[in-house]
N, C-alpha and C. Protein backbone atom coordinates (compact mmCIF):
# COMPACT_ATOMS: atom_id res chain seq x y z
N MET A 1 8.36 16.38 64.98
CA MET A 1 7.79 15.00 65.37
C MET A 1 8.72 14.68 65.92
N ASP A 2 7.72 12.96 66.24
CA ASP A 2 8.09 12.29 67.37
C ASP A 2 9.74 11.50 66.49
N GLU A 3 10.82 10.93 66.73
CA GLU A 3 11.80 11.04 66.31
C GLU A 3 11.17 9.65 65.90
N LYS A 4 11.20 8.26 66.42
CA LYS A 4 10.32 6.78 65.50
C LYS A 4 9.60 7.61 63.68
N LYS A 5 8.45 8.34 64.98
CA LYS A 5 7.85 8.39 63.49
C LYS A 5 8.29 9.26 61.94
N GLU A 6 9.45 9.90 62.81
CA GLU A 6 10.45 10.79 60.89
C GLU A 6 11.12 9.03 60.83
N MET A 7 11.99 9.16 61.52
CA MET A 7 12.69 7.51 61.21
C MET A 7 11.94 6.43 60.58
N ILE A 8 10.85 6.27 61.04
CA ILE A 8 9.90 5.40 59.97
C ILE A 8 9.44 5.30 59.02
N LEU A 9 9.49 7.17 58.58
CA LEU A 9 8.57 7.90 57.19
C LEU A 9 9.68 8.00 56.23
N GLN A 10 11.29 7.59 56.66
CA GLN A 10 12.21 7.92 56.11
C GLN A 10 12.78 6.86 55.62
N LEU A 11 12.53 5.66 55.86
CA LEU A 11 12.29 4.25 56.19
C LEU A 11 11.79 3.81 54.39
N LEU A 12 10.42 4.69 55.06
CA LEU A 12 9.64 4.26 53.90
C LEU A 12 9.70 5.67 52.99
N TYR A 13 10.45 5.78 52.50
CA TYR A 13 10.71 6.99 51.26
C TYR A 13 10.27 6.64 50.12
N GLY A 14 9.97 6.90 49.48
CA GLY A 14 9.81 6.06 47.63
C GLY A 14 9.41 5.64 47.43
N GLU A 15 9.28 5.07 47.18
CA GLU A 15 8.48 3.42 46.57
C GLU A 15 8.23 2.53 47.65
N ARG A 16 9.95 2.72 48.34
CA ARG A 16 9.90 1.11 49.19
C ARG A 16 7.82 0.48 50.97
N GLU A 17 8.34 -0.49 50.67
CA GLU A 17 7.97 -1.18 51.23
C GLU A 17 8.61 -2.28 51.58
N MET A 18 8.10 -2.13 53.14
CA MET A 18 8.42 -2.57 54.90
C MET A 18 7.36 -3.79 55.05
N PHE A 19 7.60 -4.94 55.64
CA PHE A 19 6.90 -5.19 56.75
C PHE A 19 6.49 -4.77 58.42
N THR A 20 5.92 -5.01 59.24
CA THR A 20 6.27 -3.85 60.52
C THR A 20 7.48 -4.63 61.36
N LEU A 21 8.11 -5.95 61.30
CA LEU A 21 8.97 -6.00 61.85
C LEU A 21 10.52 -5.81 61.40
N GLU A 22 10.63 -6.07 60.12
CA GLU A 22 11.93 -5.82 59.58
C GLU A 22 11.86 -4.27 59.71
N ILE A 23 10.63 -3.36 59.98
CA ILE A 23 11.06 -1.71 59.96
C ILE A 23 11.38 -1.02 61.84
N ALA A 24 10.89 -2.05 62.52
CA ALA A 24 10.87 -2.15 63.78
C ALA A 24 12.76 -2.78 64.37
N GLN A 25 12.76 -3.78 63.66
CA GLN A 25 14.78 -3.18 64.31
C GLN A 25 15.20 -2.61 63.22
N SER A 26 14.75 -2.30 61.91
CA SER A 26 15.54 -1.02 61.91
C SER A 26 15.04 0.47 62.66
N VAL A 27 14.85 0.23 63.05
CA VAL A 27 13.94 2.14 64.24
C VAL A 27 14.53 1.56 65.63
N GLY A 28 15.04 0.14 66.02
CA GLY A 28 15.01 -0.24 67.72
C GLY A 28 14.27 0.07 68.18
N ALA A 29 12.81 -0.22 68.03
CA ALA A 29 12.09 -0.35 68.65
C ALA A 29 10.58 -2.17 68.76
N SER A 30 10.08 -2.40 69.58
CA SER A 30 9.75 -3.40 69.87
C SER A 30 8.62 -3.69 68.72
N ALA A 31 8.15 -5.25 68.18
CA ALA A 31 7.35 -4.24 66.65
C ALA A 31 6.04 -3.96 67.28
N ALA A 32 4.96 -4.53 68.91
CA ALA A 32 4.71 -4.01 68.97
C ALA A 32 4.60 -2.40 69.64
N THR A 33 5.75 -1.73 68.76
CA THR A 33 5.54 -0.29 69.43
C THR A 33 5.29 -0.10 67.95
N THR A 34 5.95 -0.26 67.12
CA THR A 34 6.30 -0.03 65.88
C THR A 34 5.14 -0.58 65.08
N ALA A 35 4.28 -1.40 65.72
CA ALA A 35 2.92 -1.19 65.41
C ALA A 35 2.04 0.10 65.48
N LYS A 36 1.94 0.46 67.21
CA LYS A 36 1.15 1.90 67.29
C LYS A 36 1.59 3.06 65.86
N TYR A 37 3.23 2.86 66.03
CA TYR A 37 3.60 4.48 65.38
C TYR A 37 3.22 5.03 64.00
N LEU A 38 2.45 2.99 63.42
CA LEU A 38 2.02 2.81 62.00
C LEU A 38 0.88 2.82 62.55
N GLU A 39 0.04 3.02 63.27
CA GLU A 39 -1.30 3.36 63.51
C GLU A 39 -1.28 4.32 62.87
N VAL A 40 -0.61 5.21 64.17
CA VAL A 40 -0.76 7.18 64.23
C VAL A 40 -0.49 7.32 62.79
N LEU A 41 0.91 7.00 61.47
CA LEU A 41 1.02 7.23 60.59
C LEU A 41 0.66 7.46 59.86
N LYS A 42 -0.81 6.08 59.66
CA LYS A 42 -2.15 5.89 58.95
C LYS A 42 -2.41 6.91 59.27
N ALA A 43 -3.53 7.06 60.54
CA ALA A 43 -3.83 7.76 60.98
C ALA A 43 -3.91 9.65 60.13
N GLU A 44 -3.10 9.36 60.02
CA GLU A 44 -1.98 10.84 60.02
C GLU A 44 -1.79 11.23 58.45
N GLY A 45 -3.02 10.30 57.99
CA GLY A 45 -2.48 9.67 56.37
C GLY A 45 -1.62 9.83 55.29
N LYS A 46 -0.40 9.28 56.75
CA LYS A 46 1.51 9.47 55.60
C LYS A 46 1.47 8.31 55.23
N VAL A 47 0.95 7.24 55.65
CA VAL A 47 1.36 5.63 55.62
C VAL A 47 -0.17 5.03 55.06
N THR A 48 0.10 4.12 54.56
CA THR A 48 -0.74 3.16 53.91
C THR A 48 -0.42 1.23 53.97
N SER A 49 -1.09 0.62 54.47
CA SER A 49 -0.88 -0.94 54.09
C SER A 49 -1.67 -1.96 53.39
N PHE A 50 -0.70 -2.35 54.39
CA PHE A 50 -2.10 -4.40 52.61
C PHE A 50 -1.47 -5.29 53.24
N LYS A 51 -2.14 -6.98 53.19
CA LYS A 51 -1.48 -6.82 54.02
C LYS A 51 -1.28 -8.13 52.47
N ARG A 52 0.10 -9.32 52.55
CA ARG A 52 0.84 -9.76 52.17
C ARG A 52 1.29 -10.93 52.72
N LEU A 53 0.19 -12.22 52.65
CA LEU A 53 0.35 -12.97 53.92
C LEU A 53 2.10 -12.94 53.70
N PRO A 54 1.99 -13.74 54.58
CA PRO A 54 1.50 -14.01 56.11
C PRO A 54 1.91 -12.49 57.30
N TYR A 55 1.96 -11.43 56.36
CA TYR A 55 3.04 -9.52 56.54
C TYR A 55 1.54 -8.91 56.14
N VAL A 56 1.65 -7.55 57.10
CA VAL A 56 1.25 -6.80 56.38
C VAL A 56 2.01 -5.35 56.50
N TYR A 57 2.13 -5.31 55.43
CA TYR A 57 3.31 -4.10 54.67
C TYR A 57 2.70 -2.80 54.73
N TRP A 58 3.62 -2.04 54.97
CA TRP A 58 3.70 -0.51 54.91
C TRP A 58 4.06 -0.04 53.58
N LYS A 59 3.99 1.41 53.45
CA LYS A 59 4.29 1.81 52.34
C LYS A 59 3.82 3.26 52.60
N ARG A 60 5.03 4.09 52.31
CA ARG A 60 4.37 5.91 52.86
C ARG A 60 3.85 5.95 51.67
N LYS A 61 2.85 7.64 51.84
CA LYS A 61 1.27 7.37 50.68
C LYS A 61 2.71 8.38 49.96
N ALA A 62 1.91 9.02 48.87
CA ALA A 62 2.72 9.38 47.17
C ALA A 62 3.48 10.65 47.89
N CYS A 63 1.99 10.78 48.36
CA CYS A 63 0.93 12.78 48.31
C CYS A 63 2.47 13.54 49.71
N HIS A 64 3.10 12.66 50.31
CA HIS A 64 4.03 13.20 51.58
C HIS A 64 5.29 12.12 51.63
N GLU A 65 5.28 12.50 50.36
CA GLU A 65 7.37 12.07 49.72
C GLU A 65 8.05 13.08 50.05
């Protein structure tokens, strides 16, 4: 698995939820790049997202703990 994707999944372990910019800063990537990784992870069924204005939050799906 791609290193950045693995880092993102580790950040979102358990019940933790984070918004896109928080994740980007933690993995050392731009917000745009991180958003692309998150969309790939979402398409793979590993994370889910929800809006809590003004942010989009991400959470790891329970089946991928």
